[in-house]
Protein backbone atom coordinates (compact mmCIF):
# COMPACT_ATOMS: atom_id res chain seq x y z
CA MET A 1 -14.54 -4.54 31.23
CA ALA A 2 -14.03 -2.49 28.06
CA ILE A 3 -14.35 -4.60 24.92
CA ILE A 4 -12.44 -3.76 21.75
CA THR A 5 -12.60 -5.48 18.37
CA LEU A 6 -9.71 -6.10 15.98
CA PRO A 7 -9.78 -7.45 12.40
CA TYR A 8 -7.64 -10.54 11.88
CA ASN A 9 -7.24 -12.31 8.55
CA GLN A 10 -10.82 -12.71 7.25
CA THR A 11 -12.48 -12.53 10.67
CA SER A 12 -12.15 -10.44 13.84
CA VAL A 13 -11.35 -11.00 17.49
CA MET A 14 -12.49 -9.31 20.70
CA MET A 15 -10.35 -8.26 23.61
CA GLU A 16 -11.34 -7.15 27.13
CA LEU A 17 -9.49 -4.40 29.01
CA PRO A 18 -10.08 -3.12 32.56
CA ASP A 19 -12.67 -0.35 32.88
CA ASP A 20 -10.33 1.76 34.99
CA LYS A 21 -7.85 2.16 32.15
CA ASP A 22 -7.75 5.15 29.81
CA VAL A 23 -8.36 3.36 26.50
CA ARG A 24 -8.77 5.62 23.48
CA THR A 25 -9.77 4.40 20.04
CA LEU A 26 -8.00 5.98 17.09
CA HIS A 27 -9.83 5.83 13.79
CA PRO A 28 -9.99 7.78 10.53
CA ARG A 29 -12.31 10.73 10.27
CA GLU A 30 -15.74 9.89 8.90
CA MET A 31 -15.72 9.64 5.13
CA ALA A 32 -19.11 9.79 3.44
CA PRO A 33 -19.44 7.30 0.58
CA LEU A 34 -20.28 8.72 -2.83
CA GLU A 35 -24.02 8.55 -3.45
CA ASP A 36 -23.59 7.34 -7.03
CA PRO A 37 -19.95 6.33 -7.54
CA GLN A 38 -20.46 5.07 -11.07
CA ASP A 39 -21.94 8.40 -12.11
CA GLU A 40 -19.15 10.27 -10.31
CA LEU A 41 -16.52 8.24 -12.14
CA ARG A 42 -18.20 9.00 -15.47
CA ARG A 43 -18.35 12.69 -14.58
CA CYS A 44 -14.62 12.74 -13.79
CA LEU A 45 -13.79 11.02 -17.07
CA GLU A 46 -16.06 13.32 -19.06
CA GLY A 47 -14.42 16.51 -17.79
CA PRO A 48 -10.94 15.96 -16.40
CA PRO A 49 -9.15 19.26 -15.71
CA ARG A 50 -6.62 20.16 -18.42
CA TRP A 51 -6.97 16.70 -19.97
CA GLU A 52 -8.85 15.16 -22.86
CA PRO A 53 -12.11 13.38 -21.92
CA LEU A 54 -12.07 9.60 -22.12
CA GLU A 55 -14.78 9.59 -24.79
CA LYS A 56 -12.71 11.67 -27.21
CA MET A 57 -9.63 9.60 -26.49
CA ALA A 58 -11.52 6.37 -27.13
CA GLU A 59 -13.07 7.60 -30.37
CA LYS A 60 -9.63 8.28 -31.82
CA VAL A 61 -7.78 5.27 -30.47
CA GLU A 62 -6.23 2.80 -32.85
CA GLY A 63 -5.38 -0.64 -31.57
CA ASN A 64 -6.03 -1.96 -28.07
CA VAL A 65 -6.83 -0.25 -24.80
CA LEU A 66 -4.76 -1.30 -21.80
CA ILE A 67 -6.13 -0.88 -18.27
CA ILE A 68 -3.45 -1.00 -15.56
CA THR A 69 -4.58 -1.53 -11.99
CA GLN A 70 -3.23 -2.56 -8.58
CA ASP A 71 -2.88 -6.18 -7.52
CA HIS A 72 -4.69 -8.40 -5.02
CA THR A 73 -2.87 -6.90 -2.02
CA ARG A 74 -4.54 -3.51 -2.59
CA VAL A 75 -8.13 -2.61 -1.75
CA ASN A 76 -9.35 -0.41 -4.60
CA ARG A 77 -12.68 -2.05 -5.49
CA LYS A 78 -11.31 -3.01 -8.92
CA GLU A 79 -13.90 -5.77 -9.12
CA THR A 80 -16.51 -2.99 -9.43
CA VAL A 81 -14.59 -0.29 -11.29
CA LEU A 82 -13.19 -2.47 -14.09
CA PRO A 83 -16.62 -3.49 -15.46
CA TRP A 84 -17.66 0.18 -15.32
CA LEU A 85 -14.63 1.17 -17.37
CA ILE A 86 -15.17 -1.63 -19.87
CA ASP A 87 -18.83 -0.65 -20.27
CA LEU A 88 -17.81 2.97 -20.89
CA LEU A 89 -15.28 1.90 -23.49
CA ASN A 90 -17.94 -0.24 -25.17
CA GLU A 91 -20.22 2.79 -25.23
CA TYR A 92 -17.43 4.81 -26.84
CA GLY A 93 -16.87 2.21 -29.55
CA VAL A 94 -14.16 -0.04 -28.07
CA PRO A 95 -15.33 -3.69 -27.83
CA ASP A 96 -14.21 -6.16 -25.16
CA GLU A 97 -11.84 -7.94 -27.53
CA ARG A 98 -9.76 -4.75 -27.86
CA ILE A 99 -9.37 -4.30 -24.11
CA LYS A 100 -6.70 -5.88 -21.90
CA ILE A 101 -6.10 -5.58 -18.15
CA LEU A 102 -2.54 -5.55 -16.81
CA ILE A 103 -2.20 -6.18 -13.08
CA ALA A 104 0.62 -4.06 -11.65
CA LEU A 105 2.22 -6.85 -9.64
CA GLY A 106 5.61 -5.20 -9.14
CA SER A 107 7.79 -7.67 -7.26
CA HIS A 108 4.85 -9.34 -5.53
CA LYS A 109 4.11 -13.04 -5.94
CA LYS A 110 1.60 -13.82 -8.68
CA PRO A 111 -1.73 -14.91 -7.16
CA THR A 112 -3.55 -18.10 -8.01
CA ASP A 113 -6.16 -17.98 -10.76
CA GLU A 114 -8.83 -18.29 -8.07
CA VAL A 115 -7.58 -15.22 -6.20
CA ALA A 116 -7.11 -13.28 -9.44
CA ARG A 117 -10.65 -14.08 -10.58
CA LYS A 118 -12.08 -12.99 -7.23
CA THR A 119 -10.15 -9.72 -7.02
CA VAL A 120 -10.64 -8.72 -10.65
CA GLY A 121 -14.33 -9.63 -10.58
CA PRO A 122 -16.62 -9.97 -13.63
CA ALA A 123 -14.06 -8.32 -15.92
CA PHE A 124 -11.95 -11.47 -15.60
CA ASP A 125 -14.32 -13.31 -17.93
CA ARG A 126 -14.85 -10.41 -20.34
CA VAL A 127 -11.36 -9.32 -21.35
CA LYS A 128 -7.83 -10.67 -21.31
CA VAL A 129 -6.19 -10.32 -17.88
CA VAL A 130 -2.41 -10.62 -17.47
CA HIS A 131 -0.09 -10.11 -14.51
CA HIS A 132 3.07 -8.08 -14.88
CA ASP A 133 6.24 -10.15 -15.11
CA PRO A 134 9.24 -8.10 -13.91
CA SER A 135 11.54 -10.30 -16.00
CA GLY A 136 9.96 -9.14 -19.26
CA PRO A 137 9.26 -8.38 -21.97
CA LEU A 138 10.40 -4.89 -20.99
CA ILE A 139 11.19 -1.62 -22.71
CA ASP A 140 13.93 0.89 -21.84
CA CYS A 141 12.53 4.36 -21.14
CA GLY A 142 15.71 6.13 -20.07
CA THR A 143 17.36 7.02 -16.76
CA THR A 144 16.20 9.36 -14.00
CA SER A 145 18.29 12.13 -12.47
CA SER A 146 18.84 9.82 -9.48
CA GLY A 147 20.29 7.13 -11.71
CA THR A 148 17.32 4.77 -11.88
CA LYS A 149 17.22 2.97 -15.23
CA VAL A 150 13.56 2.84 -16.19
CA ASN A 151 12.61 -0.52 -17.65
CA VAL A 152 8.88 -1.21 -17.74
CA ASN A 153 6.41 -3.66 -19.24
CA ALA A 154 6.51 -3.33 -23.03
CA ALA A 155 2.69 -3.43 -23.17
CA LEU A 156 2.66 0.18 -21.95
CA LYS A 157 4.09 1.40 -25.25
CA GLU A 158 2.26 -1.09 -27.45
CA ALA A 159 -1.29 -0.06 -26.49
CA GLY A 160 -3.25 2.54 -28.41
CA MET A 161 -4.50 3.98 -25.12
CA VAL A 162 -3.78 3.30 -21.44
CA ILE A 163 -6.07 3.80 -18.44
CA PHE A 164 -4.56 3.70 -14.95
CA TYR A 165 -6.77 2.94 -11.97
CA GLY A 166 -5.52 2.87 -8.38
CA ALA A 167 -6.59 3.76 -4.87
CA VAL A 168 -4.52 6.03 -2.65
CA VAL A 169 -3.48 5.15 0.90
CA HIS A 170 -0.52 6.28 2.97
CA HIS A 171 2.70 4.33 2.46
CA TYR A 172 5.53 4.19 4.97
CA PHE A 173 8.37 5.04 2.56
CA ALA A 174 6.75 6.07 -0.75
CA GLY A 175 4.58 8.58 1.11
CA TYR A 176 1.43 7.34 -0.62
CA GLY A 177 0.38 4.41 -2.76
CA GLY A 178 -1.30 4.74 -6.13
CA GLY A 179 -0.59 7.14 -9.00
CA ARG A 180 3.00 6.92 -10.20
CA LYS A 181 3.44 3.77 -8.12
CA LEU A 182 1.37 1.86 -10.70
CA ILE A 183 4.37 2.23 -13.02
CA VAL A 184 7.25 1.92 -10.56
CA PRO A 185 7.18 -0.53 -8.91
CA GLY A 186 3.91 -1.75 -10.50
CA ILE A 187 5.04 -2.64 -14.01
CA ALA A 188 8.82 -2.22 -13.66
CA SER A 189 11.80 -4.57 -13.69
CA LEU A 190 13.29 -5.80 -10.42
CA GLU A 191 16.40 -3.72 -11.14
CA THR A 192 14.32 -0.57 -11.59
CA ILE A 193 12.38 -1.29 -8.39
CA ALA A 194 15.53 -1.92 -6.38
CA SER A 195 17.23 1.23 -7.66
CA ASN A 196 14.21 3.35 -6.79
CA HIS A 197 13.66 1.82 -3.36
CA SER A 198 17.35 2.20 -2.49
CA LEU A 199 16.71 5.95 -2.30
CA THR A 200 15.13 5.20 1.07
CA TRP A 201 18.63 5.50 2.55
CA ASP A 202 20.42 8.73 3.37
CA LEU A 203 23.98 7.45 3.00
CA GLU A 204 25.56 10.46 4.70
CA GLY A 205 23.11 10.41 7.58
CA HIS A 206 23.38 6.65 8.12
CA GLY A 207 19.66 6.02 8.28
CA ARG A 208 16.41 6.49 6.45
CA HIS A 209 16.18 9.80 4.59
CA ARG A 210 14.22 12.25 6.74
CA MET A 211 11.63 12.80 4.00
CA VAL A 212 11.08 9.09 3.35
CA LYS A 213 7.97 8.57 5.45
CA SER A 214 4.22 8.22 5.34
CA GLY A 215 2.44 11.28 4.00
CA SER A 216 5.57 12.69 2.35
CA LEU A 217 5.17 13.29 -1.39
CA ASP A 218 7.18 16.15 -2.88
CA GLY A 219 10.73 16.17 -1.53
CA ASN A 220 10.60 12.46 -0.76
CA PRO A 221 13.45 11.05 -2.91
CA VAL A 222 11.68 7.71 -3.41
CA SER A 223 8.43 9.35 -4.47
CA ASP A 224 10.14 12.00 -6.61
CA ASP A 225 12.07 9.29 -8.44
CA MET A 226 8.87 7.26 -8.93
CA LEU A 227 7.24 10.28 -10.55
CA GLU A 228 10.25 10.92 -12.78
CA CYS A 229 10.21 7.22 -13.77
CA ALA A 230 6.52 7.50 -14.60
CA ARG A 231 6.96 10.59 -16.73
CA LEU A 232 9.80 8.98 -18.68
CA ALA A 233 7.73 5.85 -19.22
CA LEU A 234 4.68 7.85 -20.30
CA GLU A 235 6.44 9.87 -22.99
CA GLY A 236 4.41 9.39 -26.17
CA VAL A 237 1.76 7.30 -24.36
CA ASN A 238 -1.92 8.20 -24.84
CA TYR A 239 -3.20 7.77 -21.28
CA ILE A 240 -5.57 8.91 -18.57
CA SER A 241 -5.08 8.27 -14.86
CA ILE A 242 -7.81 7.62 -12.29
CA SER A 243 -7.19 7.88 -8.55
CA SER A 244 -9.69 6.90 -5.88
CA VAL A 245 -9.89 6.87 -2.10
CA ILE A 246 -11.78 4.01 -0.49
CA THR A 247 -13.68 4.51 2.77
CA PRO A 248 -12.91 2.38 5.85
CA GLU A 249 -16.09 0.45 4.99
CA LYS A 250 -14.60 -0.25 1.54
CA GLU A 251 -16.99 2.04 -0.33
CA PHE A 252 -15.99 4.74 -2.83
CA GLY A 253 -15.17 8.06 -1.19
CA PHE A 254 -13.39 9.98 -3.93
CA PHE A 255 -12.51 9.92 -7.64
CA ALA A 256 -10.24 12.11 -9.76
CA ALA A 257 -9.16 11.66 -13.37
CA GLY A 258 -6.61 13.25 -15.68
CA GLU A 259 -2.82 13.72 -15.57
CA ILE A 260 -1.04 11.21 -13.34
CA TYR A 261 0.49 13.64 -10.81
CA ASP A 262 -2.48 16.01 -10.51
CA THR A 263 -5.03 13.25 -9.94
CA HIS A 264 -2.77 11.48 -7.47
CA LYS A 265 -2.05 14.68 -5.52
CA SER A 266 -5.75 15.51 -5.19
CA ALA A 267 -6.43 12.00 -3.87
CA CYS A 268 -3.49 12.30 -1.45
CA ASP A 269 -4.90 15.55 -0.09
CA PHE A 270 -8.30 13.90 0.37
CA ALA A 271 -6.67 10.93 2.11
CA ASP A 272 -4.74 13.24 4.44
CA ALA A 273 -7.94 14.96 5.50
CA HIS A 274 -9.48 11.66 6.57
CA PHE A 275 -6.73 9.20 7.49
CA ILE A 276 -4.25 11.33 9.46
CA VAL A 277 -5.25 11.08 13.12
CA PRO A 278 -3.60 13.55 15.53
CA CYS A 279 -2.90 12.42 19.10
CA GLU A 280 -2.11 14.57 22.14
CA ARG A 281 0.67 12.33 23.43
CA GLN A 282 2.30 8.95 23.10
CA ALA A 283 0.76 5.94 24.82
CA ASP A 284 2.24 3.26 27.05
CA ILE A 285 0.49 0.57 25.02
CA VAL A 286 -0.86 0.42 21.48
CA ILE A 287 -3.19 -2.43 20.56
CA ALA A 288 -3.68 -2.52 16.80
CA SER A 289 -4.54 -4.60 13.76
CA ALA A 290 -3.04 -4.55 10.29
CA GLY A 291 -6.63 -4.20 9.06
CA GLY A 292 -7.48 -7.80 8.22
CA PHE A 293 -7.24 -9.49 4.83
CA PRO A 294 -5.72 -8.55 2.39
CA LYS A 295 -3.83 -5.92 4.40
CA ASP A 296 -2.40 -8.68 6.60
CA ILE A 297 -1.91 -11.21 3.80
CA ASN A 298 1.82 -11.43 4.60
CA LEU A 299 4.47 -9.78 6.75
CA ILE A 300 5.45 -7.25 4.07
CA GLN A 301 1.92 -5.88 3.78
CA SER A 302 1.24 -6.12 7.53
CA HIS A 303 4.27 -4.04 8.43
CA LYS A 304 2.79 -0.95 6.75
CA GLY A 305 0.07 -0.64 9.38
CA MET A 306 2.60 -1.38 12.11
CA ASP A 307 4.57 1.64 10.95
CA ASN A 308 1.43 3.82 10.94
CA VAL A 309 0.68 3.13 14.61
CA SER A 310 4.24 2.99 15.98
CA HIS A 311 4.69 6.77 16.03
CA VAL A 312 2.28 7.22 18.95
CA LEU A 313 3.93 4.62 21.22
CA LYS A 314 6.38 5.65 23.92
CA PRO A 315 9.94 4.33 23.60
CA GLY A 316 10.01 1.15 25.68
CA GLY A 317 6.24 0.79 25.30
CA THR A 318 4.34 -2.31 24.26
CA LEU A 319 2.69 -2.88 20.90
CA LEU A 320 0.22 -5.73 20.48
CA TYR A 321 -0.26 -6.15 16.78
CA LEU A 322 -2.61 -8.54 14.95
CA MET A 323 -1.51 -9.75 11.52
CA GLY A 324 -2.86 -12.98 10.06
CA CYS A 325 -0.07 -13.48 7.48
CA SER A 326 -2.00 -16.28 5.76
CA GLU A 327 0.66 -16.25 3.02
CA GLY A 328 3.59 -16.07 5.41
CA TYR A 329 6.49 -13.64 5.14
CA GLY A 330 5.95 -12.52 1.53
CA ASN A 331 9.41 -12.68 -0.05
CA GLN A 332 12.63 -14.68 0.25
CA ALA A 333 14.53 -11.52 1.19
CA ILE A 334 12.77 -11.55 4.56
CA LEU A 335 14.37 -14.90 5.38
CA ASP A 336 17.76 -13.82 4.04
CA PHE A 337 17.95 -10.63 6.09
CA ALA A 338 16.11 -11.70 9.27
CA PRO A 339 19.16 -13.25 11.04
CA LEU A 340 21.28 -10.10 10.53
CA ASP A 341 21.62 -7.24 12.99
CA MET A 342 20.72 -3.73 11.88
CA PRO A 343 24.26 -2.52 11.00
CA SER A 344 24.80 -5.67 8.93
CA ILE A 345 21.49 -5.20 7.12
CA ARG A 346 22.40 -1.64 6.30
CA ALA A 347 25.87 -2.58 5.07
CA LYS A 348 24.44 -5.35 2.89
CA LEU A 349 21.82 -3.03 1.40
CA GLU A 350 24.38 -0.31 0.68
CA GLU A 351 26.54 -2.84 -1.11
CA HIS A 352 23.66 -4.28 -3.14
CA TYR A 353 20.12 -3.11 -2.53
CA VAL A 354 17.55 -5.91 -2.26
CA VAL A 355 13.84 -5.11 -2.24
CA TYR A 356 12.32 -6.03 1.16
CA GLY A 357 15.68 -6.14 2.92
CA GLN A 358 14.79 -2.68 4.20
CA THR A 359 11.46 -4.08 5.47
CA VAL A 360 13.44 -6.27 7.84
CA HIS A 361 15.49 -3.23 8.90
CA ALA A 362 12.30 -1.24 9.55
CA ILE A 363 10.81 -4.06 11.64
CA LYS A 364 14.00 -4.42 13.67
CA GLU A 365 14.03 -0.66 14.25
CA LYS A 366 10.66 -1.07 15.93
CA THR A 367 11.58 -4.15 17.94
CA SER A 368 14.67 -2.31 19.21
CA LYS A 369 12.49 0.54 20.51
CA PHE A 370 9.38 -1.31 21.67
CA ARG A 371 8.18 -4.64 22.97
CA VAL A 372 6.24 -5.95 19.97
CA ILE A 373 3.84 -8.84 20.59
CA VAL A 374 2.21 -10.24 17.48
CA MET A 375 -0.80 -12.48 17.12
CA THR A 376 -0.03 -14.11 13.81
CA GLY A 377 -0.13 -17.18 11.65
CA MET A 378 3.45 -16.51 10.57
CA ASP A 379 6.22 -18.92 11.49
CA ASN A 380 7.05 -18.31 15.16
CA ASP A 381 10.78 -18.90 14.79
CA LEU A 382 10.97 -16.26 12.07
CA ALA A 383 8.97 -13.85 14.22
CA ARG A 384 11.41 -14.31 17.11
CA THR A 385 14.39 -13.83 14.80
CA LEU A 386 12.90 -10.45 13.85
CA GLY A 387 12.60 -9.52 17.52
CA LEU A 388 8.84 -10.06 17.64
CA THR A 389 7.10 -12.03 20.39
CA PRO A 390 4.52 -14.32 18.75
CA VAL A 391 1.30 -15.48 20.39
CA THR A 392 -1.50 -17.67 19.06
CA ASN A 393 -4.48 -16.01 20.74
CA ILE A 394 -5.63 -12.95 22.70
CA ASP A 395 -5.59 -14.69 26.09
CA GLU A 396 -1.92 -15.51 25.63
CA ALA A 397 -1.23 -11.90 24.71
CA LEU A 398 -3.11 -10.59 27.75
CA GLU A 399 -1.13 -12.85 30.03
CA LEU A 400 2.16 -11.50 28.62
CA MET A 401 0.88 -7.93 28.91
CA LYS A 402 -0.64 -8.21 32.38
CA GLU A 403 1.95 -6.07 34.17
CA ASP A 404 2.14 -3.58 31.26
CA ILE A 405 -1.63 -3.07 31.38
CA GLU A 406 -1.60 -2.61 35.16
CA LYS A 407 1.04 0.13 34.90
CA ALA A 408 -0.30 1.80 31.75
CA GLU A 409 -1.69 5.32 32.01
CA LEU A 410 -2.81 5.50 28.38
CA ILE A 411 -3.69 2.80 25.84
CA TYR A 412 -4.49 3.41 22.18
CA HIS A 413 -6.71 0.98 20.27
CA VAL A 414 -6.43 0.99 16.46
CA SER A 415 -8.61 -1.42 14.47
CA ARG A 416 -7.43 -0.29 11.05
CA GLY A 417 -3.68 0.23 11.21
CA ASP A 418 -3.60 0.13 7.42
CA ILE A 419 -5.46 3.43 7.08
CA THR A 420 -5.01 5.11 10.47
CA VAL A 421 -1.95 7.32 10.23
CA ALA A 422 -1.45 8.21 13.88
CA GLN A 423 0.65 11.30 14.56
CA CYS A 424 1.64 12.68 17.96
CA MET A 425 1.22 16.44 18.22
CA GLY A 426 2.66 16.83 21.70
């Protein structure tokens, strides 16, 4: 029997498949970790292209320095990077008491103090750490050409200097995470977030805009609007942006620093070179994991990996997907939209866009095309309402899939759906 391993929550499970089956493992290309990531980060900050070095910025800064970083649902090794940045600022004359960290929570649920302390790391006890509150205080930064009113956390304009730090991964409708996404949705109002995310829809085409997809940056209306939001918000702000790419083993693979678009684009290109996995043809079965905690912390986060692997599954095929969902569904909108059919969801979103309503639509798109079996800790009734078939263990899944496995000519195995962007080339 062939044995495959799949991350699940904070552990992993094994699964046996018949030896006579064509089982192919899809995984990102090898990414060598940086030999000395702290030194590489310093080097990037000392000589960013077409941008002032951090040292010169820090020497001139009046007032406080604000560091904005991603929240607990994102793997960016902030627990390591934040102390490095604070130490550098100390070296450049900015003491701990003049440094504040703002967690770009967006519309996500605020974590417990225990989770925040763990994900922020030693910096939690050195400087003030606050989580963004989308209800305010906020500041109006204007309106984008798409009509998004840009209201962001007032702290952005109050700081003497701002440092952004985020890791880049592929994102199923923003194209990529990180960069401009630290501002919208990261530190924006719910109204700003909803307006931006509503650009997912192509109203004339009655579906998702053709450029709203993973790996799509320029020309993606959601991403373009995010960047325009960021540039409006950053007018008059003394800032430097840092983008990283984290290896599958959660080491540092890449750093870039400087202007927010340039650094993000260079990280996106690096991510493409490692995380996009071409496949010859679609499979009869895909067996995949959301990537384990925190990538499977809830349904909203777990779905991103599901989208990554769904493109290499034949219509009518079977997807077995592991997502722990230790924190359940993730947002009330999931419950509100789950009972609706797809036309009703679309009509409701066109009337009044609700963040995460489109997540339900995207899940139901998949369950209308494929048989989706999920091993999950999520409420089973909710899973069934979404069209998913929940199981509690691998043996139960294998029993349901017995005939599918017998008939299958090709099976793909994906341990890290969160970072494996599978694309069919034939």
